[in-house]
Amino acid sequence: TAHKLPVVAVKRSNQPTDQGPDPGPCLYFFVVTHHRYGSP
């Protein structure tokens, strides 16, 4: 919104139900890895 792109959707990729690609501009995100750093 601050970059004057409020029409861009932001969605989690690889949803449990397949909805197909978004018809408009979209950013998709998903987790690649969780890495434990150091010791507890």
PDB file of all heavy atoms in Angstrom:
ATOM      1  N   THR A   1       0.842  -1.199   0.000  1.00  0.00           N
ATOM      2  CA  THR A   1       0.000   0.000   0.000  1.00  0.00           C
ATOM      3  C   THR A   1       0.877   1.249   0.000  1.00  0.00           C
ATOM      4  O   THR A   1       0.609   2.205  -0.741  1.00  0.00           O
ATOM      5  CB  THR A   1      -0.939  -0.005   1.224  1.00  0.00           C
ATOM      6  OG1 THR A   1      -1.750  -1.179   1.166  1.00  0.00           O
ATOM      7  CG2 THR A   1      -1.825   1.226   1.243  1.00  0.00           C
ATOM      8  N   ALA A   2       1.942   1.247   0.783  1.00  0.00           N
ATOM      9  CA  ALA A   2       2.867   2.385   0.822  1.00  0.00           C
ATOM     10  C   ALA A   2       3.596   2.563  -0.513  1.00  0.00           C
ATOM     11  O   ALA A   2       3.935   3.685  -0.883  1.00  0.00           O
ATOM     12  CB  ALA A   2       3.877   2.200   1.949  1.00  0.00           C
ATOM     13  N   HIS A   3       3.828   1.466  -1.242  1.00  0.00           N
ATOM     14  CA  HIS A   3       4.487   1.526  -2.551  1.00  0.00           C
ATOM     15  C   HIS A   3       3.490   1.760  -3.687  1.00  0.00           C
ATOM     16  O   HIS A   3       3.826   1.580  -4.853  1.00  0.00           O
ATOM     17  CB  HIS A   3       5.261   0.225  -2.802  1.00  0.00           C
ATOM     18  CG  HIS A   3       6.579   0.169  -2.114  1.00  0.00           C
ATOM     19  ND1 HIS A   3       7.760   0.099  -2.786  1.00  0.00           N
ATOM     20  CD2 HIS A   3       6.911   0.179  -0.800  1.00  0.00           C
ATOM     21  CE1 HIS A   3       8.760   0.063  -1.932  1.00  0.00           C
ATOM     22  NE2 HIS A   3       8.268   0.112  -0.715  1.00  0.00           N
ATOM     23  N   LYS A   4       2.262   2.109  -3.316  1.00  0.00           N
ATOM     24  CA  LYS A   4       1.185   2.398  -4.284  1.00  0.00           C
ATOM     25  C   LYS A   4       0.859   1.184  -5.159  1.00  0.00           C
ATOM     26  O   LYS A   4       0.618   1.297  -6.358  1.00  0.00           O
ATOM     27  CB  LYS A   4       1.529   3.622  -5.131  1.00  0.00           C
ATOM     28  CG  LYS A   4       1.657   4.892  -4.301  1.00  0.00           C
ATOM     29  CD  LYS A   4       1.966   6.086  -5.124  1.00  0.00           C
ATOM     30  CE  LYS A   4       2.035   7.352  -4.352  1.00  0.00           C
ATOM     31  NZ  LYS A   4       2.671   7.402  -3.101  1.00  0.00           N
ATOM     32  N   LEU A   5       0.848   0.015  -4.529  1.00  0.00           N
ATOM     33  CA  LEU A   5       0.464  -1.237  -5.188  1.00  0.00           C
ATOM     34  C   LEU A   5      -0.597  -1.967  -4.355  1.00  0.00           C
ATOM     35  O   LEU A   5      -0.454  -3.139  -4.021  1.00  0.00           O
ATOM     36  CB  LEU A   5       1.687  -2.142  -5.371  1.00  0.00           C
ATOM     37  CG  LEU A   5       2.759  -1.666  -6.332  1.00  0.00           C
ATOM     38  CD1 LEU A   5       4.034  -2.470  -6.163  1.00  0.00           C
ATOM     39  CD2 LEU A   5       2.261  -1.738  -7.755  1.00  0.00           C
ATOM     40  N   PRO A   6      -1.710  -1.294  -4.018  1.00  0.00           N
ATOM     41  CA  PRO A   6      -2.699  -1.920  -3.131  1.00  0.00           C
ATOM     42  C   PRO A   6      -3.497  -3.040  -3.781  1.00  0.00           C
ATOM     43  O   PRO A   6      -4.168  -3.797  -3.090  1.00  0.00           O
ATOM     44  CB  PRO A   6      -3.614  -0.751  -2.747  1.00  0.00           C
ATOM     45  CG  PRO A   6      -3.531   0.168  -3.904  1.00  0.00           C
ATOM     46  CD  PRO A   6      -2.120   0.050  -4.419  1.00  0.00           C
ATOM     47  N   VAL A   7      -3.438  -3.166  -5.109  1.00  0.00           N
ATOM     48  CA  VAL A   7      -4.223  -4.204  -5.793  1.00  0.00           C
ATOM     49  C   VAL A   7      -3.517  -5.558  -5.794  1.00  0.00           C
ATOM     50  O   VAL A   7      -4.079  -6.550  -6.243  1.00  0.00           O
ATOM     51  CB  VAL A   7      -4.554  -3.802  -7.247  1.00  0.00           C
ATOM     52  CG1 VAL A   7      -5.414  -2.548  -7.279  1.00  0.00           C
ATOM     53  CG2 VAL A   7      -3.292  -3.607  -8.055  1.00  0.00           C
ATOM     54  N   VAL A   8      -2.287  -5.611  -5.293  1.00  0.00           N
ATOM     55  CA  VAL A   8      -1.526  -6.857  -5.284  1.00  0.00           C
ATOM     56  C   VAL A   8      -1.986  -7.721  -4.105  1.00  0.00           C
ATOM     57  O   VAL A   8      -1.994  -7.272  -2.963  1.00  0.00           O
ATOM     58  CB  VAL A   8      -0.005  -6.584  -5.188  1.00  0.00           C
ATOM     59  CG1 VAL A   8       0.776  -7.885  -5.126  1.00  0.00           C
ATOM     60  CG2 VAL A   8       0.450  -5.737  -6.363  1.00  0.00           C
ATOM     61  N   ALA A   9      -2.362  -8.956  -4.405  1.00  0.00           N
ATOM     62  CA  ALA A   9      -2.768  -9.901  -3.362  1.00  0.00           C
ATOM     63  C   ALA A   9      -1.520 -10.558  -2.769  1.00  0.00           C
ATOM     64  O   ALA A   9      -0.503 -10.691  -3.448  1.00  0.00           O
ATOM     65  CB  ALA A   9      -3.690 -10.956  -3.951  1.00  0.00           C
ATOM     66  N   VAL A  10      -1.606 -10.966  -1.521  1.00  0.00           N
ATOM     67  CA  VAL A  10      -0.517 -11.699  -0.861  1.00  0.00           C
ATOM     68  C   VAL A  10      -1.139 -12.952  -0.269  1.00  0.00           C
ATOM     69  O   VAL A  10      -2.027 -12.865   0.573  1.00  0.00           O
ATOM     70  CB  VAL A  10       0.156 -10.862   0.249  1.00  0.00           C
ATOM     71  CG1 VAL A  10       1.240 -11.662   0.941  1.00  0.00           C
ATOM     72  CG2 VAL A  10       0.725  -9.568  -0.326  1.00  0.00           C
ATOM     73  N   LYS A  11      -0.677 -14.118  -0.756  1.00  0.00           N
ATOM     74  CA  LYS A  11      -1.284 -15.386  -0.347  1.00  0.00           C
ATOM     75  C   LYS A  11      -0.228 -16.424  -0.018  1.00  0.00           C
ATOM     76  O   LYS A  11       0.864 -16.404  -0.577  1.00  0.00           O
ATOM     77  CB  LYS A  11      -2.157 -15.938  -1.477  1.00  0.00           C
ATOM     78  CG  LYS A  11      -3.326 -15.053  -1.829  1.00  0.00           C
ATOM     79  CD  LYS A  11      -4.168 -15.669  -2.910  1.00  0.00           C
ATOM     80  CE  LYS A  11      -5.376 -14.793  -3.189  1.00  0.00           C
ATOM     81  NZ  LYS A  11      -6.244 -15.392  -4.204  1.00  0.00           N
ATOM     82  N   ARG A  12      -0.606 -17.334   0.865  1.00  0.00           N
ATOM     83  CA  ARG A  12       0.262 -18.469   1.145  1.00  0.00           C
ATOM     84  C   ARG A  12       0.163 -19.432  -0.033  1.00  0.00           C
ATOM     85  O   ARG A  12      -0.928 -19.767  -0.485  1.00  0.00           O
ATOM     86  CB  ARG A  12      -0.179 -19.170   2.422  1.00  0.00           C
ATOM     87  CG  ARG A  12       0.904 -20.096   2.974  1.00  0.00           C
ATOM     88  CD  ARG A  12       0.451 -20.831   4.177  1.00  0.00           C
ATOM     89  NE  ARG A  12      -0.182 -22.049   3.681  1.00  0.00           N
ATOM     90  CZ  ARG A  12      -1.026 -22.781   4.372  1.00  0.00           C
ATOM     91  NH1 ARG A  12      -1.371 -22.446   5.562  1.00  0.00           N
ATOM     92  NH2 ARG A  12      -1.538 -23.867   3.854  1.00  0.00           N
ATOM     93  N   SER A  13       1.298 -19.862  -0.527  1.00  0.00           N
ATOM     94  CA  SER A  13       1.329 -20.805  -1.640  1.00  0.00           C
ATOM     95  C   SER A  13       1.051 -22.215  -1.131  1.00  0.00           C
ATOM     96  O   SER A  13       1.129 -22.478   0.058  1.00  0.00           O
ATOM     97  CB  SER A  13       2.715 -20.744  -2.298  1.00  0.00           C
ATOM     98  OG  SER A  13       2.723 -21.488  -3.480  1.00  0.00           O
ATOM     99  N   ASN A  14       0.740 -23.108  -2.046  1.00  0.00           N
ATOM    100  CA  ASN A  14       0.523 -24.524  -1.715  1.00  0.00           C
ATOM    101  C   ASN A  14      -0.564 -24.698  -0.653  1.00  0.00           C
ATOM    102  O   ASN A  14      -0.353 -25.337   0.373  1.00  0.00           O
ATOM    103  CB  ASN A  14       1.827 -25.185  -1.263  1.00  0.00           C
ATOM    104  CG  ASN A  14       2.940 -24.982  -2.267  1.00  0.00           C
ATOM    105  OD1 ASN A  14       2.734 -25.138  -3.464  1.00  0.00           O
ATOM    106  ND2 ASN A  14       4.118 -24.617  -1.793  1.00  0.00           N
ATOM    107  N   GLN A  15      -1.721 -24.120  -0.917  1.00  0.00           N
ATOM    108  CA  GLN A  15      -2.856 -24.237  -0.004  1.00  0.00           C
ATOM    109  C   GLN A  15      -3.370 -25.675   0.025  1.00  0.00           C
ATOM    110  O   GLN A  15      -3.166 -26.430  -0.922  1.00  0.00           O
ATOM    111  CB  GLN A  15      -3.992 -23.307  -0.466  1.00  0.00           C
ATOM    112  CG  GLN A  15      -3.686 -21.846  -0.313  1.00  0.00           C
ATOM    113  CD  GLN A  15      -3.788 -21.388   1.123  1.00  0.00           C
ATOM    114  OE1 GLN A  15      -4.363 -22.056   1.968  1.00  0.00           O
ATOM    115  NE2 GLN A  15      -3.221 -20.238   1.418  1.00  0.00           N
ATOM    116  N   PRO A  16      -4.057 -26.063   1.094  1.00  0.00           N
ATOM    117  CA  PRO A  16      -4.601 -27.420   1.169  1.00  0.00           C
ATOM    118  C   PRO A  16      -5.625 -27.721   0.068  1.00  0.00           C
ATOM    119  O   PRO A  16      -5.771 -28.853  -0.342  1.00  0.00           O
ATOM    120  CB  PRO A  16      -5.273 -27.472   2.539  1.00  0.00           C
ATOM    121  CG  PRO A  16      -4.729 -26.328   3.300  1.00  0.00           C
ATOM    122  CD  PRO A  16      -4.265 -25.310   2.313  1.00  0.00           C
ATOM    123  N   THR A  17      -6.334 -26.684  -0.383  1.00  0.00           N
ATOM    124  CA  THR A  17      -7.275 -26.880  -1.485  1.00  0.00           C
ATOM    125  C   THR A  17      -6.753 -26.122  -2.696  1.00  0.00           C
ATOM    126  O   THR A  17      -6.299 -24.995  -2.588  1.00  0.00           O
ATOM    127  CB  THR A  17      -8.678 -26.356  -1.116  1.00  0.00           C
ATOM    128  OG1 THR A  17      -8.583 -24.976  -0.773  1.00  0.00           O
ATOM    129  CG2 THR A  17      -9.259 -27.137   0.046  1.00  0.00           C
ATOM    130  N   ASP A  18      -6.831 -26.741  -3.852  1.00  0.00           N
ATOM    131  CA  ASP A  18      -6.301 -26.148  -5.075  1.00  0.00           C
ATOM    132  C   ASP A  18      -7.303 -25.150  -5.643  1.00  0.00           C
ATOM    133  O   ASP A  18      -8.397 -25.529  -6.059  1.00  0.00           O
ATOM    134  CB  ASP A  18      -6.004 -27.255  -6.099  1.00  0.00           C
ATOM    135  CG  ASP A  18      -5.219 -26.743  -7.291  1.00  0.00           C
ATOM    136  OD1 ASP A  18      -4.728 -25.600  -7.226  1.00  0.00           O
ATOM    137  OD2 ASP A  18      -5.104 -27.479  -8.280  1.00  0.00           O
ATOM    138  N   GLN A  19      -6.944 -23.880  -5.653  1.00  0.00           N
ATOM    139  CA  GLN A  19      -7.829 -22.822  -6.147  1.00  0.00           C
ATOM    140  C   GLN A  19      -7.371 -22.267  -7.485  1.00  0.00           C
ATOM    141  O   GLN A  19      -8.047 -21.456  -8.078  1.00  0.00           O
ATOM    142  CB  GLN A  19      -7.902 -21.680  -5.126  1.00  0.00           C
ATOM    143  CG  GLN A  19      -8.376 -22.106  -3.757  1.00  0.00           C
ATOM    144  CD  GLN A  19      -9.790 -22.615  -3.755  1.00  0.00           C
ATOM    145  OE1 GLN A  19     -10.638 -22.134  -4.494  1.00  0.00           O
ATOM    146  NE2 GLN A  19     -10.057 -23.628  -2.953  1.00  0.00           N
ATOM    147  N   GLY A  20      -6.193 -22.649  -7.946  1.00  0.00           N
ATOM    148  CA  GLY A  20      -5.653 -22.108  -9.192  1.00  0.00           C
ATOM    149  C   GLY A  20      -4.945 -20.795  -8.935  1.00  0.00           C
ATOM    150  O   GLY A  20      -5.013 -20.237  -7.843  1.00  0.00           O
ATOM    151  N   PRO A  21      -4.256 -20.280  -9.949  1.00  0.00           N
ATOM    152  CA  PRO A  21      -3.518 -19.023  -9.759  1.00  0.00           C
ATOM    153  C   PRO A  21      -4.465 -17.829  -9.627  1.00  0.00           C
ATOM    154  O   PRO A  21      -5.577 -17.829 -10.150  1.00  0.00           O
ATOM    155  CB  PRO A  21      -2.670 -18.914 -11.026  1.00  0.00           C
ATOM    156  CG  PRO A  21      -3.387 -19.735 -12.043  1.00  0.00           C
ATOM    157  CD  PRO A  21      -4.084 -20.827 -11.289  1.00  0.00           C
ATOM    158  N   ASP A  22      -3.993 -16.825  -8.930  1.00  0.00           N
ATOM    159  CA  ASP A  22      -4.766 -15.601  -8.765  1.00  0.00           C
ATOM    160  C   ASP A  22      -4.823 -14.882 -10.113  1.00  0.00           C
ATOM    161  O   ASP A  22      -3.816 -14.795 -10.813  1.00  0.00           O
ATOM    162  CB  ASP A  22      -4.093 -14.716  -7.717  1.00  0.00           C
ATOM    163  CG  ASP A  22      -5.042 -13.707  -7.141  1.00  0.00           C
ATOM    164  OD1 ASP A  22      -5.154 -12.618  -7.729  1.00  0.00           O
ATOM    165  OD2 ASP A  22      -5.681 -14.016  -6.132  1.00  0.00           O
ATOM    166  N   PRO A  23      -5.984 -14.339 -10.527  1.00  0.00           N
ATOM    167  CA  PRO A  23      -6.079 -13.683 -11.840  1.00  0.00           C
ATOM    168  C   PRO A  23      -5.312 -12.364 -11.926  1.00  0.00           C
ATOM    169  O   PRO A  23      -4.909 -11.947 -13.000  1.00  0.00           O
ATOM    170  CB  PRO A  23      -7.581 -13.452 -12.023  1.00  0.00           C
ATOM    171  CG  PRO A  23      -8.138 -13.447 -10.636  1.00  0.00           C
ATOM    172  CD  PRO A  23      -7.258 -14.348  -9.827  1.00  0.00           C
ATOM    173  N   GLY A  24      -5.097 -11.713 -10.797  1.00  0.00           N
ATOM    174  CA  GLY A  24      -4.396 -10.432 -10.798  1.00  0.00           C
ATOM    175  C   GLY A  24      -2.978 -10.588 -10.295  1.00  0.00           C
ATOM    176  O   GLY A  24      -2.504 -11.698 -10.040  1.00  0.00           O
ATOM    177  N   PRO A  25      -2.268  -9.474 -10.117  1.00  0.00           N
ATOM    178  CA  PRO A  25      -0.909  -9.557  -9.570  1.00  0.00           C
ATOM    179  C   PRO A  25      -0.950 -10.102  -8.143  1.00  0.00           C
ATOM    180  O   PRO A  25      -1.817  -9.741  -7.354  1.00  0.00           O
ATOM    181  CB  PRO A  25      -0.412  -8.111  -9.616  1.00  0.00           C
ATOM    182  CG  PRO A  25      -1.615  -7.260  -9.773  1.00  0.00           C
ATOM    183  CD  PRO A  25      -2.682  -8.097 -10.382  1.00  0.00           C
ATOM    184  N   CYS A  26      -0.006 -10.989  -7.862  1.00  0.00           N
ATOM    185  CA  CYS A  26      -0.033 -11.659  -6.565  1.00  0.00           C
ATOM    186  C   CYS A  26       1.378 -12.032  -6.110  1.00  0.00           C
ATOM    187  O   CYS A  26       2.239 -12.349  -6.939  1.00  0.00           O
ATOM    188  CB  CYS A  26      -0.888 -12.921  -6.663  1.00  0.00           C
ATOM    189  SG  CYS A  26      -1.170 -13.737  -5.086  1.00  0.00           S
ATOM    190  N   LEU A  27       1.592 -11.971  -4.814  1.00  0.00           N
ATOM    191  CA  LEU A  27       2.800 -12.495  -4.188  1.00  0.00           C
ATOM    192  C   LEU A  27       2.401 -13.750  -3.419  1.00  0.00           C
ATOM    193  O   LEU A  27       1.422 -13.740  -2.670  1.00  0.00           O
ATOM    194  CB  LEU A  27       3.407 -11.488  -3.213  1.00  0.00           C
ATOM    195  CG  LEU A  27       4.061 -10.254  -3.819  1.00  0.00           C
ATOM    196  CD1 LEU A  27       4.386  -9.241  -2.727  1.00  0.00           C
ATOM    197  CD2 LEU A  27       5.311 -10.637  -4.572  1.00  0.00           C
ATOM    198  N   TYR A  28       3.131 -14.833  -3.648  1.00  0.00           N
ATOM    199  CA  TYR A  28       2.900 -16.084  -2.939  1.00  0.00           C
ATOM    200  C   TYR A  28       4.101 -16.348  -2.030  1.00  0.00           C
ATOM    201  O   TYR A  28       5.229 -16.040  -2.400  1.00  0.00           O
ATOM    202  CB  TYR A  28       2.759 -17.256  -3.915  1.00  0.00           C
ATOM    203  CG  TYR A  28       1.555 -17.160  -4.814  1.00  0.00           C
ATOM    204  CD1 TYR A  28       1.677 -16.693  -6.109  1.00  0.00           C
ATOM    205  CD2 TYR A  28       0.297 -17.553  -4.364  1.00  0.00           C
ATOM    206  CE1 TYR A  28       0.575 -16.608  -6.949  1.00  0.00           C
ATOM    207  CE2 TYR A  28      -0.810 -17.470  -5.194  1.00  0.00           C
ATOM    208  CZ  TYR A  28      -0.665 -17.001  -6.484  1.00  0.00           C
ATOM    209  OH  TYR A  28      -1.758 -16.922  -7.305  1.00  0.00           O
ATOM    210  N   PHE A  29       3.856 -16.940  -0.875  1.00  0.00           N
ATOM    211  CA  PHE A  29       4.962 -17.278   0.018  1.00  0.00           C
ATOM    212  C   PHE A  29       4.727 -18.654   0.635  1.00  0.00           C
ATOM    213  O   PHE A  29       3.597 -19.095   0.790  1.00  0.00           O
ATOM    214  CB  PHE A  29       5.144 -16.213   1.107  1.00  0.00           C
ATOM    215  CG  PHE A  29       3.987 -16.103   2.061  1.00  0.00           C
ATOM    216  CD1 PHE A  29       3.963 -16.830   3.244  1.00  0.00           C
ATOM    217  CD2 PHE A  29       2.921 -15.254   1.790  1.00  0.00           C
ATOM    218  CE1 PHE A  29       2.900 -16.723   4.115  1.00  0.00           C
ATOM    219  CE2 PHE A  29       1.852 -15.145   2.652  1.00  0.00           C
ATOM    220  CZ  PHE A  29       1.844 -15.877   3.830  1.00  0.00           C
ATOM    221  N   PHE A  30       5.831 -19.334   0.941  1.00  0.00           N
ATOM    222  CA  PHE A  30       5.753 -20.603   1.662  1.00  0.00           C
ATOM    223  C   PHE A  30       7.045 -20.836   2.423  1.00  0.00           C
ATOM    224  O   PHE A  30       8.088 -20.296   2.076  1.00  0.00           O
ATOM    225  CB  PHE A  30       5.441 -21.784   0.725  1.00  0.00           C
ATOM    226  CG  PHE A  30       6.513 -22.068  -0.291  1.00  0.00           C
ATOM    227  CD1 PHE A  30       7.517 -22.987  -0.025  1.00  0.00           C
ATOM    228  CD2 PHE A  30       6.493 -21.428  -1.526  1.00  0.00           C
ATOM    229  CE1 PHE A  30       8.499 -23.247  -0.978  1.00  0.00           C
ATOM    230  CE2 PHE A  30       7.463 -21.690  -2.475  1.00  0.00           C
ATOM    231  CZ  PHE A  30       8.470 -22.605  -2.200  1.00  0.00           C
ATOM    232  N   VAL A  31       6.971 -21.652   3.470  1.00  0.00           N
ATOM    233  CA  VAL A  31       8.138 -21.970   4.283  1.00  0.00           C
ATOM    234  C   VAL A  31       8.986 -23.004   3.559  1.00  0.00           C
ATOM    235  O   VAL A  31       8.496 -24.023   3.106  1.00  0.00           O
ATOM    236  CB  VAL A  31       7.722 -22.515   5.667  1.00  0.00           C
ATOM    237  CG1 VAL A  31       8.924 -23.016   6.445  1.00  0.00           C
ATOM    238  CG2 VAL A  31       6.995 -21.442   6.455  1.00  0.00           C
ATOM    239  N   VAL A  32      10.288 -22.711   3.451  1.00  0.00           N
ATOM    240  CA  VAL A  32      11.236 -23.644   2.852  1.00  0.00           C
ATOM    241  C   VAL A  32      11.874 -24.492   3.947  1.00  0.00           C
ATOM    242  O   VAL A  32      11.912 -25.713   3.859  1.00  0.00           O
ATOM    243  CB  VAL A  32      12.337 -22.889   2.053  1.00  0.00           C
ATOM    244  CG1 VAL A  32      13.352 -23.858   1.487  1.00  0.00           C
ATOM    245  CG2 VAL A  32      11.709 -22.054   0.953  1.00  0.00           C
ATOM    246  N   THR A  33      12.373 -23.853   5.016  1.00  0.00           N
ATOM    247  CA  THR A  33      13.017 -24.589   6.116  1.00  0.00           C
ATOM    248  C   THR A  33      12.796 -23.893   7.454  1.00  0.00           C
ATOM    249  O   THR A  33      12.578 -22.681   7.512  1.00  0.00           O
ATOM    250  CB  THR A  33      14.553 -24.689   5.933  1.00  0.00           C
ATOM    251  OG1 THR A  33      15.108 -23.365   5.910  1.00  0.00           O
ATOM    252  CG2 THR A  33      14.937 -25.418   4.671  1.00  0.00           C
ATOM    253  N   HIS A  34      12.870 -24.698   8.503  1.00  0.00           N
ATOM    254  CA  HIS A  34      12.984 -24.214   9.885  1.00  0.00           C
ATOM    255  C   HIS A  34      14.313 -24.769  10.377  1.00  0.00           C
ATOM    256  O   HIS A  34      14.515 -25.981  10.386  1.00  0.00           O
ATOM    257  CB  HIS A  34      11.872 -24.767  10.782  1.00  0.00           C
ATOM    258  CG  HIS A  34      10.514 -24.258  10.477  1.00  0.00           C
ATOM    259  ND1 HIS A  34      10.137 -22.953  10.680  1.00  0.00           N
ATOM    260  CD2 HIS A  34       9.417 -24.872  10.007  1.00  0.00           C
ATOM    261  CE1 HIS A  34       8.879 -22.797  10.344  1.00  0.00           C
ATOM    262  NE2 HIS A  34       8.414 -23.956   9.923  1.00  0.00           N
ATOM    263  N   HIS A  35      15.213 -23.901  10.787  1.00  0.00           N
ATOM    264  CA  HIS A  35      16.534 -24.331  11.238  1.00  0.00           C
ATOM    265  C   HIS A  35      16.728 -23.904  12.684  1.00  0.00           C
ATOM    266  O   HIS A  35      16.602 -22.719  13.009  1.00  0.00           O
ATOM    267  CB  HIS A  35      17.620 -23.696  10.344  1.00  0.00           C
ATOM    268  CG  HIS A  35      19.008 -23.896  10.840  1.00  0.00           C
ATOM    269  ND1 HIS A  35      19.647 -25.110  10.798  1.00  0.00           N
ATOM    270  CD2 HIS A  35      19.885 -23.033  11.408  1.00  0.00           C
ATOM    271  CE1 HIS A  35      20.861 -24.980  11.314  1.00  0.00           C
ATOM    272  NE2 HIS A  35      21.026 -23.728  11.697  1.00  0.00           N
ATOM    273  N   ARG A  36      17.006 -24.875  13.552  1.00  0.00           N
ATOM    274  CA  ARG A  36      17.310 -24.549  14.952  1.00  0.00           C
ATOM    275  C   ARG A  36      18.737 -24.018  15.006  1.00  0.00           C
ATOM    276  O   ARG A  36      19.639 -24.622  14.455  1.00  0.00           O
ATOM    277  CB  ARG A  36      17.182 -25.781  15.827  1.00  0.00           C
ATOM    278  CG  ARG A  36      15.780 -26.278  15.918  1.00  0.00           C
ATOM    279  CD  ARG A  36      15.720 -27.534  16.789  1.00  0.00           C
ATOM    280  NE  ARG A  36      14.384 -28.040  16.839  1.00  0.00           N
ATOM    281  CZ  ARG A  36      13.406 -27.554  17.591  1.00  0.00           C
ATOM    282  NH1 ARG A  36      13.647 -26.534  18.386  1.00  0.00           N
ATOM    283  NH2 ARG A  36      12.208 -28.067  17.571  1.00  0.00           N
ATOM    284  N   TYR A  37      18.919 -22.895  15.674  1.00  0.00           N
ATOM    285  CA  TYR A  37      20.233 -22.264  15.750  1.00  0.00           C
ATOM    286  C   TYR A  37      20.746 -22.364  17.178  1.00  0.00           C
ATOM    287  O   TYR A  37      20.079 -21.940  18.121  1.00  0.00           O
ATOM    288  CB  TYR A  37      20.144 -20.801  15.314  1.00  0.00           C
ATOM    289  CG  TYR A  37      21.486 -20.122  15.255  1.00  0.00           C
ATOM    290  CD1 TYR A  37      22.326 -20.319  14.172  1.00  0.00           C
ATOM    291  CD2 TYR A  37      21.914 -19.312  16.287  1.00  0.00           C
ATOM    292  CE1 TYR A  37      23.564 -19.719  14.117  1.00  0.00           C
ATOM    293  CE2 TYR A  37      23.140 -18.700  16.243  1.00  0.00           C
ATOM    294  CZ  TYR A  37      23.965 -18.906  15.156  1.00  0.00           C
ATOM    295  OH  TYR A  37      25.202 -18.318  15.111  1.00  0.00           O
ATOM    296  N   GLY A  38      21.943 -22.906  17.347  1.00  0.00           N
ATOM    297  CA  GLY A  38      22.525 -23.037  18.680  1.00  0.00           C
ATOM    298  C   GLY A  38      21.860 -24.147  19.468  1.00  0.00           C
ATOM    299  O   GLY A  38      21.267 -25.068  18.920  1.00  0.00           O
ATOM    300  N   SER A  39      21.950 -24.037  20.783  1.00  0.00           N
ATOM    301  CA  SER A  39      21.333 -25.040  21.647  1.00  0.00           C
ATOM    302  C   SER A  39      20.300 -24.354  22.534  1.00  0.00           C
ATOM    303  O   SER A  39      20.368 -23.147  22.761  1.00  0.00           O
ATOM    304  CB  SER A  39      22.397 -25.738  22.490  1.00  0.00           C
ATOM    305  OG  SER A  39      23.113 -24.790  23.241  1.00  0.00           O
ATOM    306  N   PRO A  40      19.342 -25.126  23.045  1.00  0.00           N
ATOM    307  CA  PRO A  40      18.280 -24.517  23.847  1.00  0.00           C
ATOM    308  C   PRO A  40      18.805 -23.903  25.145  1.00  0.00           C
ATOM    309  O   PRO A  40      19.753 -24.405  25.741  1.00  0.00           O
ATOM    310  CB  PRO A  40      17.344 -25.688  24.168  1.00  0.00           C
ATOM    311  CG  PRO A  40      17.711 -26.779  23.246  1.00  0.00           C
ATOM    312  CD  PRO A  40      19.137 -26.557  22.858  1.00  0.00           C
TER     313      PRO A  40
END
